[in-house]
Amino acid sequence: MPRPSPSWNPTKPNRMVRIHPIRTGTVQFRTAQIRARSQGPFRLWRILSDREWTRELPIYCYLIEHPEGLFMVDTGASARVMEPGFFPRWHPYYRRAVKYRVAPEDEVGPQLRALGFDPEKVGCVIMTNMQVGHSGGLKYFNRARIIVSAQEWASCMGGVGRLSGYPNAHWPKWLTPRMVTFNAGQIGGLARSQPLTGDGAIYLVRTPGHTHGSISCVVEDGGLMFFFAGDASYLHSTMCEMVADGYAAHPRLQVNTLRNIRELAQSRPMVYLPTHDPDAARRLMELDTSVD
């Protein structure tokens, strides 16, 4: 059984949430995927022809304890990615440009149980996008409210979705997500938001670019903003650099999204938590000793 990642456990009375980063295996990309070498139509070719690999990067999802219940941000990867035939053989990206390492005990269900949580007690699952490293653990949350943006759901369905790399053939048959409508005001330069809790401490924002319908989850607690970014950028550093990734559906839109996130981070204390950043758990752990 893997050792659970350190969690951020608030010690002061005015802090209401606890955050648990859960690493569901690792992934390696070609380096051209992390930082796009162009924004033109040959971006995928640049990834496929790249000979350099990143180091093994984590595949994080996050459990949030809030007085109104348990919330998951994404569900991580499935160990089935290691099985022959999981990825379509005709898809060049999966044959040449990505390497997963996920064991059965790495999946989010066993990890939650190791932390003392029952996956069936999770009330809400927020899907930042529906790609492989985010939707692999959906099978554990058949009682939860699954939230996806309408744009993302439209992009990921059917044969067009599979051509774009979504593993929709492997999702649970019962999956009928709720579409977020974003009916609240803007947060900084991010134009639309949607509260999830009565106190407004947990809400969603649109962060398109990596995929058509990418969203992020924000938690405000104890004077801090925790920004669960999904793949808005792969790393904290690429957010700061405002650089699109090589697999982005809309590179220019992604750059604009990252500019808005960076400006928000400059305006108030923020902990930025993307899916594949190796330092995400460390940043959370350091808050226990460095945040008053």
C-alpha atoms as a PDB file:
ATOM      1  CA  MET A   1       0.000   0.000   0.000  1.00  0.00           C
ATOM      2  CA  PRO A   2       1.465   3.389  -0.955  1.00  0.00           C
ATOM      3  CA  ARG A   3       2.099   5.920   1.747  1.00  0.00           C
ATOM      4  CA  PRO A   4      -0.632   8.597   1.668  1.00  0.00           C
ATOM      5  CA  SER A   5       0.512  12.086   0.701  1.00  0.00           C
ATOM      6  CA  PRO A   6       0.705  14.673   3.488  1.00  0.00           C
ATOM      7  CA  SER A   7      -2.474  16.678   3.997  1.00  0.00           C
ATOM      8  CA  TRP A   8      -3.081  20.258   4.987  1.00  0.00           C
ATOM      9  CA  ASN A   9      -4.802  20.085   8.369  1.00  0.00           C
ATOM     10  CA  PRO A  10      -5.805  23.482   9.732  1.00  0.00           C
ATOM     11  CA  THR A  11      -5.000  24.175  13.367  1.00  0.00           C
ATOM     12  CA  LYS A  12      -6.611  27.583  13.836  1.00  0.00           C
ATOM     13  CA  PRO A  13     -10.330  27.953  14.632  1.00  0.00           C
ATOM     14  CA  ASN A  14     -11.097  30.155  11.611  1.00  0.00           C
ATOM     15  CA  ARG A  15      -9.981  27.459   9.174  1.00  0.00           C
ATOM     16  CA  MET A  16     -12.772  25.184   8.061  1.00  0.00           C
ATOM     17  CA  VAL A  17     -11.330  22.814   5.451  1.00  0.00           C
ATOM     18  CA  ARG A  18      -8.804  20.019   5.258  1.00  0.00           C
ATOM     19  CA  ILE A  19      -7.112  19.165   1.989  1.00  0.00           C
ATOM     20  CA  HIS A  20      -5.623  15.785   1.106  1.00  0.00           C
ATOM     21  CA  PRO A  21      -3.532  15.440  -2.074  1.00  0.00           C
ATOM     22  CA  ILE A  22      -3.796  11.885  -3.407  1.00  0.00           C
ATOM     23  CA  ARG A  23      -1.184  10.698  -5.880  1.00  0.00           C
ATOM     24  CA  THR A  24      -2.656   8.041  -8.164  1.00  0.00           C
ATOM     25  CA  GLY A  25       0.505   6.876  -9.881  1.00  0.00           C
ATOM     26  CA  THR A  26       2.808   8.748 -12.237  1.00  0.00           C
ATOM     27  CA  VAL A  27       3.068   9.767 -15.870  1.00  0.00           C
ATOM     28  CA  GLN A  28       5.833  10.807 -18.240  1.00  0.00           C
ATOM     29  CA  PHE A  29       5.275  13.132 -21.171  1.00  0.00           C
ATOM     30  CA  ARG A  30       7.487  14.271 -23.991  1.00  0.00           C
ATOM     31  CA  THR A  31       9.044  17.568 -22.975  1.00  0.00           C
ATOM     32  CA  ALA A  32       7.347  19.373 -25.875  1.00  0.00           C
ATOM     33  CA  GLN A  33       4.016  18.659 -24.215  1.00  0.00           C
ATOM     34  CA  ILE A  34       4.825  20.612 -21.049  1.00  0.00           C
ATOM     35  CA  ARG A  35       5.815  23.768 -22.911  1.00  0.00           C
ATOM     36  CA  ALA A  36       4.557  24.187 -26.464  1.00  0.00           C
ATOM     37  CA  ARG A  37       7.278  24.931 -28.977  1.00  0.00           C
ATOM     38  CA  SER A  38       4.769  26.632 -31.256  1.00  0.00           C
ATOM     39  CA  GLN A  39       1.070  27.462 -31.333  1.00  0.00           C
ATOM     40  CA  GLY A  40       0.548  26.285 -34.887  1.00  0.00           C
ATOM     41  CA  PRO A  41      -1.049  23.149 -36.356  1.00  0.00           C
ATOM     42  CA  PHE A  42       2.112  21.031 -35.974  1.00  0.00           C
ATOM     43  CA  ARG A  43       2.138  21.002 -32.175  1.00  0.00           C
ATOM     44  CA  LEU A  44       1.171  17.325 -31.959  1.00  0.00           C
ATOM     45  CA  TRP A  45       3.874  16.416 -34.468  1.00  0.00           C
ATOM     46  CA  ARG A  46       6.425  18.250 -32.333  1.00  0.00           C
ATOM     47  CA  ILE A  47       5.369  16.114 -29.362  1.00  0.00           C
ATOM     48  CA  LEU A  48       5.503  12.885 -31.377  1.00  0.00           C
ATOM     49  CA  SER A  49       8.938  13.698 -32.804  1.00  0.00           C
ATOM     50  CA  ASP A  50      10.406  14.823 -29.470  1.00  0.00           C
ATOM     51  CA  ARG A  51      13.016  12.361 -28.153  1.00  0.00           C
ATOM     52  CA  GLU A  52      13.165  13.705 -24.611  1.00  0.00           C
ATOM     53  CA  TRP A  53      10.952  12.564 -21.732  1.00  0.00           C
ATOM     54  CA  THR A  54      10.039  14.422 -18.583  1.00  0.00           C
ATOM     55  CA  ARG A  55      10.812  12.779 -15.285  1.00  0.00           C
ATOM     56  CA  GLU A  56       7.942  10.837 -13.724  1.00  0.00           C
ATOM     57  CA  LEU A  57       5.273  13.359 -12.763  1.00  0.00           C
ATOM     58  CA  PRO A  58       2.520  12.752 -10.205  1.00  0.00           C
ATOM     59  CA  ILE A  59      -1.127  12.283 -11.106  1.00  0.00           C
ATOM     60  CA  TYR A  60      -2.884  14.108  -8.287  1.00  0.00           C
ATOM     61  CA  CYS A  61      -6.485  14.338  -7.298  1.00  0.00           C
ATOM     62  CA  TYR A  62      -7.612  16.084  -4.122  1.00  0.00           C
ATOM     63  CA  LEU A  63     -10.017  15.356  -1.285  1.00  0.00           C
ATOM     64  CA  ILE A  64     -11.509  18.404   0.441  1.00  0.00           C
ATOM     65  CA  GLU A  65     -13.152  18.089   3.853  1.00  0.00           C
ATOM     66  CA  HIS A  66     -15.702  20.852   4.359  1.00  0.00           C
ATOM     67  CA  PRO A  67     -18.484  21.217   6.966  1.00  0.00           C
ATOM     68  CA  GLU A  68     -21.008  20.519   4.182  1.00  0.00           C
ATOM     69  CA  GLY A  69     -19.341  17.223   3.244  1.00  0.00           C
ATOM     70  CA  LEU A  70     -16.546  15.583   1.269  1.00  0.00           C
ATOM     71  CA  PHE A  71     -15.562  16.949  -2.140  1.00  0.00           C
ATOM     72  CA  MET A  72     -13.195  15.366  -4.657  1.00  0.00           C
ATOM     73  CA  VAL A  73     -11.367  17.348  -7.322  1.00  0.00           C
ATOM     74  CA  ASP A  74     -10.821  14.816 -10.123  1.00  0.00           C
ATOM     75  CA  THR A  75     -10.449  11.076  -9.566  1.00  0.00           C
ATOM     76  CA  GLY A  76      -6.926  10.351 -10.805  1.00  0.00           C
ATOM     77  CA  ALA A  77      -5.794   7.517 -13.039  1.00  0.00           C
ATOM     78  CA  SER A  78      -6.903   3.904 -13.291  1.00  0.00           C
ATOM     79  CA  ALA A  79      -4.529   0.937 -13.121  1.00  0.00           C
ATOM     80  CA  ARG A  80      -6.177  -0.241 -16.332  1.00  0.00           C
ATOM     81  CA  VAL A  81      -3.923   2.167 -18.255  1.00  0.00           C
ATOM     82  CA  MET A  82      -1.251  -0.525 -17.795  1.00  0.00           C
ATOM     83  CA  GLU A  83      -3.344  -3.178 -19.574  1.00  0.00           C
ATOM     84  CA  PRO A  84      -2.688  -3.980 -23.246  1.00  0.00           C
ATOM     85  CA  GLY A  85      -5.508  -2.631 -25.355  1.00  0.00           C
ATOM     86  CA  PHE A  86      -6.681   0.061 -22.930  1.00  0.00           C
ATOM     87  CA  PHE A  87      -5.483   2.770 -25.294  1.00  0.00           C
ATOM     88  CA  PRO A  88      -6.473   2.561 -28.965  1.00  0.00           C
ATOM     89  CA  ARG A  89      -3.596   1.183 -30.999  1.00  0.00           C
ATOM     90  CA  TRP A  90      -4.346   3.563 -33.852  1.00  0.00           C
ATOM     91  CA  HIS A  91      -3.750   6.655 -31.708  1.00  0.00           C
ATOM     92  CA  PRO A  92      -0.135   7.806 -32.220  1.00  0.00           C
ATOM     93  CA  TYR A  93      -0.041   9.901 -29.063  1.00  0.00           C
ATOM     94  CA  TYR A  94      -0.601   6.926 -26.771  1.00  0.00           C
ATOM     95  CA  ARG A  95       1.895   4.793 -28.684  1.00  0.00           C
ATOM     96  CA  ARG A  96       4.728   7.328 -28.712  1.00  0.00           C
ATOM     97  CA  ALA A  97       4.266  10.204 -26.310  1.00  0.00           C
ATOM     98  CA  VAL A  98       3.045   9.147 -22.860  1.00  0.00           C
ATOM     99  CA  LYS A  99       4.034   6.543 -20.246  1.00  0.00           C
ATOM    100  CA  TYR A 100       1.870   5.726 -17.238  1.00  0.00           C
ATOM    101  CA  ARG A 101       2.802   3.863 -14.093  1.00  0.00           C
ATOM    102  CA  VAL A 102      -0.289   3.088 -12.011  1.00  0.00           C
ATOM    103  CA  ALA A 103      -0.749   0.069  -9.722  1.00  0.00           C
ATOM    104  CA  PRO A 104      -4.159  -1.085  -8.412  1.00  0.00           C
ATOM    105  CA  GLU A 105      -3.297   0.216  -4.941  1.00  0.00           C
ATOM    106  CA  ASP A 106      -2.516   3.635  -6.434  1.00  0.00           C
ATOM    107  CA  GLU A 107      -6.121   4.202  -7.461  1.00  0.00           C
ATOM    108  CA  VAL A 108      -8.144   6.772  -5.565  1.00  0.00           C
ATOM    109  CA  GLY A 109     -10.442   4.216  -3.888  1.00  0.00           C
ATOM    110  CA  PRO A 110      -7.704   2.317  -2.008  1.00  0.00           C
ATOM    111  CA  GLN A 111      -5.938   5.586  -1.264  1.00  0.00           C
ATOM    112  CA  LEU A 112      -9.045   7.105   0.320  1.00  0.00           C
ATOM    113  CA  ARG A 113      -9.555   4.008   2.457  1.00  0.00           C
ATOM    114  CA  ALA A 114      -5.920   4.206   3.578  1.00  0.00           C
ATOM    115  CA  LEU A 115      -6.660   7.747   4.766  1.00  0.00           C
ATOM    116  CA  GLY A 116      -9.735   6.522   6.667  1.00  0.00           C
ATOM    117  CA  PHE A 117     -12.416   7.691   4.198  1.00  0.00           C
ATOM    118  CA  ASP A 118     -15.173   5.722   2.494  1.00  0.00           C
ATOM    119  CA  PRO A 119     -15.400   6.691  -1.201  1.00  0.00           C
ATOM    120  CA  GLU A 120     -19.164   6.214  -1.024  1.00  0.00           C
ATOM    121  CA  LYS A 121     -19.358   9.048   1.513  1.00  0.00           C
ATOM    122  CA  VAL A 122     -17.999  11.558  -1.006  1.00  0.00           C
ATOM    123  CA  GLY A 123     -20.889  13.821  -1.945  1.00  0.00           C
ATOM    124  CA  CYS A 124     -19.466  15.751  -4.885  1.00  0.00           C
ATOM    125  CA  VAL A 125     -16.797  15.074  -7.528  1.00  0.00           C
ATOM    126  CA  ILE A 126     -15.545  18.027  -9.591  1.00  0.00           C
ATOM    127  CA  MET A 127     -14.058  17.032 -12.921  1.00  0.00           C
ATOM    128  CA  THR A 128     -11.605  19.693 -14.122  1.00  0.00           C
ATOM    129  CA  ASN A 129     -11.534  17.785 -17.397  1.00  0.00           C
ATOM    130  CA  MET A 130     -12.386  14.252 -18.506  1.00  0.00           C
ATOM    131  CA  GLN A 131      -9.000  13.088 -19.769  1.00  0.00           C
ATOM    132  CA  VAL A 132      -7.267   9.873 -18.705  1.00  0.00           C
ATOM    133  CA  GLY A 133      -5.462  11.148 -15.616  1.00  0.00           C
ATOM    134  CA  HIS A 134      -8.603  12.763 -14.235  1.00  0.00           C
ATOM    135  CA  SER A 135     -11.473  10.356 -14.891  1.00  0.00           C
ATOM    136  CA  GLY A 136      -9.859   7.005 -14.087  1.00  0.00           C
ATOM    137  CA  GLY A 137     -11.360   6.682 -10.598  1.00  0.00           C
ATOM    138  CA  LEU A 138     -14.965   7.572 -11.405  1.00  0.00           C
ATOM    139  CA  LYS A 139     -16.047   3.993 -10.678  1.00  0.00           C
ATOM    140  CA  TYR A 140     -15.585   4.611  -6.939  1.00  0.00           C
ATOM    141  CA  PHE A 141     -18.112   7.469  -6.772  1.00  0.00           C
ATOM    142  CA  ASN A 142     -21.409   6.084  -8.025  1.00  0.00           C
ATOM    143  CA  ARG A 143     -23.285   7.848  -5.192  1.00  0.00           C
ATOM    144  CA  ALA A 144     -21.690  11.249  -5.689  1.00  0.00           C
ATOM    145  CA  ARG A 145     -22.824  14.245  -7.691  1.00  0.00           C
ATOM    146  CA  ILE A 146     -20.391  14.364 -10.648  1.00  0.00           C
ATOM    147  CA  ILE A 147     -19.866  17.875 -12.004  1.00  0.00           C
ATOM    148  CA  VAL A 148     -18.546  18.585 -15.513  1.00  0.00           C
ATOM    149  CA  SER A 149     -18.754  21.693 -17.668  1.00  0.00           C
ATOM    150  CA  ALA A 150     -21.203  21.470 -20.542  1.00  0.00           C
ATOM    151  CA  GLN A 151     -18.429  22.344 -22.997  1.00  0.00           C
ATOM    152  CA  GLU A 152     -16.231  19.513 -21.722  1.00  0.00           C
ATOM    153  CA  TRP A 153     -19.024  16.963 -21.857  1.00  0.00           C
ATOM    154  CA  ALA A 154     -19.872  17.892 -25.429  1.00  0.00           C
ATOM    155  CA  SER A 155     -16.212  17.535 -26.448  1.00  0.00           C
ATOM    156  CA  CYS A 156     -15.573  14.173 -24.853  1.00  0.00           C
ATOM    157  CA  MET A 157     -18.492  12.066 -26.056  1.00  0.00           C
ATOM    158  CA  GLY A 158     -18.641   9.471 -28.827  1.00  0.00           C
ATOM    159  CA  GLY A 159     -16.107   8.791 -31.545  1.00  0.00           C
ATOM    160  CA  VAL A 160     -15.045  12.421 -31.777  1.00  0.00           C
ATOM    161  CA  GLY A 161     -14.189  12.312 -28.087  1.00  0.00           C
ATOM    162  CA  ARG A 162     -12.133   9.127 -28.534  1.00  0.00           C
ATOM    163  CA  LEU A 163     -10.303  10.695 -31.468  1.00  0.00           C
ATOM    164  CA  SER A 164      -9.421  13.598 -29.154  1.00  0.00           C
ATOM    165  CA  GLY A 165      -8.027  11.186 -26.552  1.00  0.00           C
ATOM    166  CA  TYR A 166     -10.921  10.868 -24.099  1.00  0.00           C
ATOM    167  CA  PRO A 167     -11.305   7.308 -22.711  1.00  0.00           C
ATOM    168  CA  ASN A 168     -15.107   7.431 -22.827  1.00  0.00           C
ATOM    169  CA  ALA A 169     -15.440   3.720 -23.617  1.00  0.00           C
ATOM    170  CA  HIS A 170     -14.058   2.946 -20.152  1.00  0.00           C
ATOM    171  CA  TRP A 171     -16.291   5.233 -18.093  1.00  0.00           C
ATOM    172  CA  PRO A 172     -18.988   3.712 -15.856  1.00  0.00           C
ATOM    173  CA  LYS A 173     -22.301   3.058 -17.619  1.00  0.00           C
ATOM    174  CA  TRP A 174     -24.147   4.900 -14.832  1.00  0.00           C
ATOM    175  CA  LEU A 175     -22.254   8.147 -15.433  1.00  0.00           C
ATOM    176  CA  THR A 176     -24.721  11.027 -15.878  1.00  0.00           C
ATOM    177  CA  PRO A 177     -22.864  14.149 -14.743  1.00  0.00           C
ATOM    178  CA  ARG A 178     -24.424  17.464 -13.852  1.00  0.00           C
ATOM    179  CA  MET A 179     -23.493  20.351 -16.088  1.00  0.00           C
ATOM    180  CA  VAL A 180     -22.231  23.435 -14.314  1.00  0.00           C
ATOM    181  CA  THR A 181     -23.876  26.633 -15.567  1.00  0.00           C
ATOM    182  CA  PHE A 182     -21.549  29.325 -14.157  1.00  0.00           C
ATOM    183  CA  ASN A 183     -24.273  31.741 -13.108  1.00  0.00           C
ATOM    184  CA  ALA A 184     -22.230  33.873 -10.694  1.00  0.00           C
ATOM    185  CA  GLY A 185     -19.859  36.792 -11.212  1.00  0.00           C
ATOM    186  CA  GLN A 186     -16.244  36.944 -12.216  1.00  0.00           C
ATOM    187  CA  ILE A 187     -13.235  36.216  -9.991  1.00  0.00           C
ATOM    188  CA  GLY A 188     -10.460  38.578 -10.962  1.00  0.00           C
ATOM    189  CA  GLY A 189     -10.028  38.233 -14.709  1.00  0.00           C
ATOM    190  CA  LEU A 190     -11.750  34.829 -14.766  1.00  0.00           C
ATOM    191  CA  ALA A 191     -15.094  35.752 -16.221  1.00  0.00           C
ATOM    192  CA  ARG A 192     -17.534  33.253 -14.694  1.00  0.00           C
ATOM    193  CA  SER A 193     -17.887  31.329 -11.440  1.00  0.00           C
ATOM    194  CA  GLN A 194     -20.276  28.920  -9.705  1.00  0.00           C
ATOM    195  CA  PRO A 195     -20.526  28.417  -5.905  1.00  0.00           C
ATOM    196  CA  LEU A 196     -20.796  24.848  -4.621  1.00  0.00           C
ATOM    197  CA  THR A 197     -21.252  25.444  -0.888  1.00  0.00           C
ATOM    198  CA  GLY A 198     -23.658  27.620   1.027  1.00  0.00           C
ATOM    199  CA  ASP A 199     -20.854  29.616   2.596  1.00  0.00           C
ATOM    200  CA  GLY A 200     -19.278  30.283  -0.806  1.00  0.00           C
ATOM    201  CA  ALA A 201     -15.954  28.819   0.314  1.00  0.00           C
ATOM    202  CA  ILE A 202     -15.848  26.291  -2.545  1.00  0.00           C
ATOM    203  CA  TYR A 203     -16.628  27.432  -6.058  1.00  0.00           C
ATOM    204  CA  LEU A 204     -15.792  26.700  -9.673  1.00  0.00           C
ATOM    205  CA  VAL A 205     -14.271  28.927 -12.347  1.00  0.00           C
ATOM    206  CA  ARG A 206     -13.914  28.464 -16.085  1.00  0.00           C
ATOM    207  CA  THR A 207     -10.268  27.976 -17.110  1.00  0.00           C
ATOM    208  CA  PRO A 208     -10.453  26.952 -20.797  1.00  0.00           C
ATOM    209  CA  GLY A 209      -7.510  26.324 -23.058  1.00  0.00           C
ATOM    210  CA  HIS A 210      -6.034  22.923 -22.295  1.00  0.00           C
ATOM    211  CA  THR A 211      -9.418  21.485 -23.256  1.00  0.00           C
ATOM    212  CA  HIS A 212     -12.535  23.223 -24.555  1.00  0.00           C
ATOM    213  CA  GLY A 213     -14.316  22.945 -21.223  1.00  0.00           C
ATOM    214  CA  SER A 214     -11.594  22.915 -18.590  1.00  0.00           C
ATOM    215  CA  ILE A 215     -12.661  24.201 -15.190  1.00  0.00           C
ATOM    216  CA  SER A 216     -10.868  24.730 -11.884  1.00  0.00           C
ATOM    217  CA  CYS A 217     -12.026  24.500  -8.293  1.00  0.00           C
ATOM    218  CA  VAL A 218     -11.239  27.241  -5.781  1.00  0.00           C
ATOM    219  CA  VAL A 219     -11.376  26.963  -1.995  1.00  0.00           C
ATOM    220  CA  GLU A 220     -11.104  30.051   0.180  1.00  0.00           C
ATOM    221  CA  ASP A 221     -10.210  29.404   3.787  1.00  0.00           C
ATOM    222  CA  GLY A 222      -8.180  31.083   6.530  1.00  0.00           C
ATOM    223  CA  GLY A 223      -7.186  34.010   4.300  1.00  0.00           C
ATOM    224  CA  LEU A 224      -5.825  31.680   1.597  1.00  0.00           C
ATOM    225  CA  MET A 225      -7.061  30.771  -1.849  1.00  0.00           C
ATOM    226  CA  PHE A 226      -6.433  27.158  -2.871  1.00  0.00           C
ATOM    227  CA  PHE A 227      -6.603  26.916  -6.657  1.00  0.00           C
ATOM    228  CA  PHE A 228      -7.134  23.334  -7.900  1.00  0.00           C
ATOM    229  CA  ALA A 229      -6.131  23.917 -11.488  1.00  0.00           C
ATOM    230  CA  GLY A 230      -6.412  20.528 -13.170  1.00  0.00           C
ATOM    231  CA  ASP A 231      -4.421  20.959 -16.378  1.00  0.00           C
ATOM    232  CA  ALA A 232      -4.862  24.718 -16.694  1.00  0.00           C
ATOM    233  CA  SER A 233      -1.093  24.292 -16.663  1.00  0.00           C
ATOM    234  CA  TYR A 234       0.924  21.189 -15.931  1.00  0.00           C
ATOM    235  CA  LEU A 235       3.268  22.978 -13.516  1.00  0.00           C
ATOM    236  CA  HIS A 236       3.273  26.006 -11.228  1.00  0.00           C
ATOM    237  CA  SER A 237       6.182  27.381 -13.245  1.00  0.00           C
ATOM    238  CA  THR A 238       4.344  27.204 -16.588  1.00  0.00           C
ATOM    239  CA  MET A 239       1.452  29.118 -15.041  1.00  0.00           C
ATOM    240  CA  CYS A 240       3.883  31.836 -13.927  1.00  0.00           C
ATOM    241  CA  GLU A 241       5.475  31.864 -17.390  1.00  0.00           C
ATOM    242  CA  MET A 242       2.007  31.955 -19.035  1.00  0.00           C
ATOM    243  CA  VAL A 243       3.062  29.356 -21.587  1.00  0.00           C
ATOM    244  CA  ALA A 244       0.625  27.006 -23.312  1.00  0.00           C
ATOM    245  CA  ASP A 245       1.201  23.271 -23.275  1.00  0.00           C
ATOM    246  CA  GLY A 246       1.827  21.314 -26.451  1.00  0.00           C
ATOM    247  CA  TYR A 247      -1.446  19.352 -26.212  1.00  0.00           C
ATOM    248  CA  ALA A 248      -3.721  22.344 -25.600  1.00  0.00           C
ATOM    249  CA  ALA A 249      -6.936  22.519 -27.584  1.00  0.00           C
ATOM    250  CA  HIS A 250      -6.734  26.342 -27.669  1.00  0.00           C
ATOM    251  CA  PRO A 251      -3.187  27.615 -26.947  1.00  0.00           C
ATOM    252  CA  ARG A 252      -4.005  31.318 -27.121  1.00  0.00           C
ATOM    253  CA  LEU A 253      -7.021  30.874 -24.886  1.00  0.00           C
ATOM    254  CA  GLN A 254      -4.872  28.898 -22.442  1.00  0.00           C
ATOM    255  CA  VAL A 255      -2.298  31.689 -22.305  1.00  0.00           C
ATOM    256  CA  ASN A 256      -5.052  34.189 -21.542  1.00  0.00           C
ATOM    257  CA  THR A 257      -6.405  31.908 -18.805  1.00  0.00           C
ATOM    258  CA  LEU A 258      -2.942  31.599 -17.262  1.00  0.00           C
ATOM    259  CA  ARG A 259      -2.478  35.360 -17.393  1.00  0.00           C
ATOM    260  CA  ASN A 260      -5.701  35.792 -15.421  1.00  0.00           C
ATOM    261  CA  ILE A 261      -4.668  33.150 -12.881  1.00  0.00           C
ATOM    262  CA  ARG A 262      -1.255  34.750 -12.417  1.00  0.00           C
ATOM    263  CA  GLU A 263      -2.802  38.179 -11.890  1.00  0.00           C
ATOM    264  CA  LEU A 264      -5.146  36.659  -9.314  1.00  0.00           C
ATOM    265  CA  ALA A 265      -2.178  35.033  -7.551  1.00  0.00           C
ATOM    266  CA  GLN A 266      -0.383  38.373  -7.476  1.00  0.00           C
ATOM    267  CA  SER A 267      -3.381  40.072  -5.883  1.00  0.00           C
ATOM    268  CA  ARG A 268      -3.847  37.719  -2.908  1.00  0.00           C
ATOM    269  CA  PRO A 269      -2.260  34.692  -1.194  1.00  0.00           C
ATOM    270  CA  MET A 270      -2.784  31.640  -3.402  1.00  0.00           C
ATOM    271  CA  VAL A 271      -1.695  27.998  -3.288  1.00  0.00           C
ATOM    272  CA  TYR A 272      -1.693  26.755  -6.888  1.00  0.00           C
ATOM    273  CA  LEU A 273      -2.345  23.015  -7.176  1.00  0.00           C
ATOM    274  CA  PRO A 274      -2.271  21.537 -10.694  1.00  0.00           C
ATOM    275  CA  THR A 275      -2.576  17.827 -11.383  1.00  0.00           C
ATOM    276  CA  HIS A 276       1.009  17.040 -12.373  1.00  0.00           C
ATOM    277  CA  ASP A 277       3.187  19.416 -10.346  1.00  0.00           C
ATOM    278  CA  PRO A 278       5.756  17.440  -8.267  1.00  0.00           C
ATOM    279  CA  ASP A 279       5.821  20.186  -5.611  1.00  0.00           C
ATOM    280  CA  ALA A 280       2.069  20.467  -5.028  1.00  0.00           C
ATOM    281  CA  ALA A 281       1.955  18.254  -1.924  1.00  0.00           C
ATOM    282  CA  ARG A 282       5.053  19.944  -0.504  1.00  0.00           C
ATOM    283  CA  ARG A 283       3.466  23.370  -0.857  1.00  0.00           C
ATOM    284  CA  LEU A 284       0.471  22.160   1.130  1.00  0.00           C
ATOM    285  CA  MET A 285       2.625  20.522   3.804  1.00  0.00           C
ATOM    286  CA  GLU A 286       4.696  23.675   4.290  1.00  0.00           C
ATOM    287  CA  LEU A 287       1.540  25.620   5.181  1.00  0.00           C
ATOM    288  CA  ASP A 288       1.327  23.734   8.472  1.00  0.00           C
ATOM    289  CA  THR A 289       4.417  25.551   9.704  1.00  0.00           C
ATOM    290  CA  SER A 290       4.623  28.694   7.591  1.00  0.00           C
ATOM    291  CA  VAL A 291       1.077  30.106   7.604  1.00  0.00           C
ATOM    292  CA  ASP A 292      -0.148  32.083  10.612  1.00  0.00           C
END
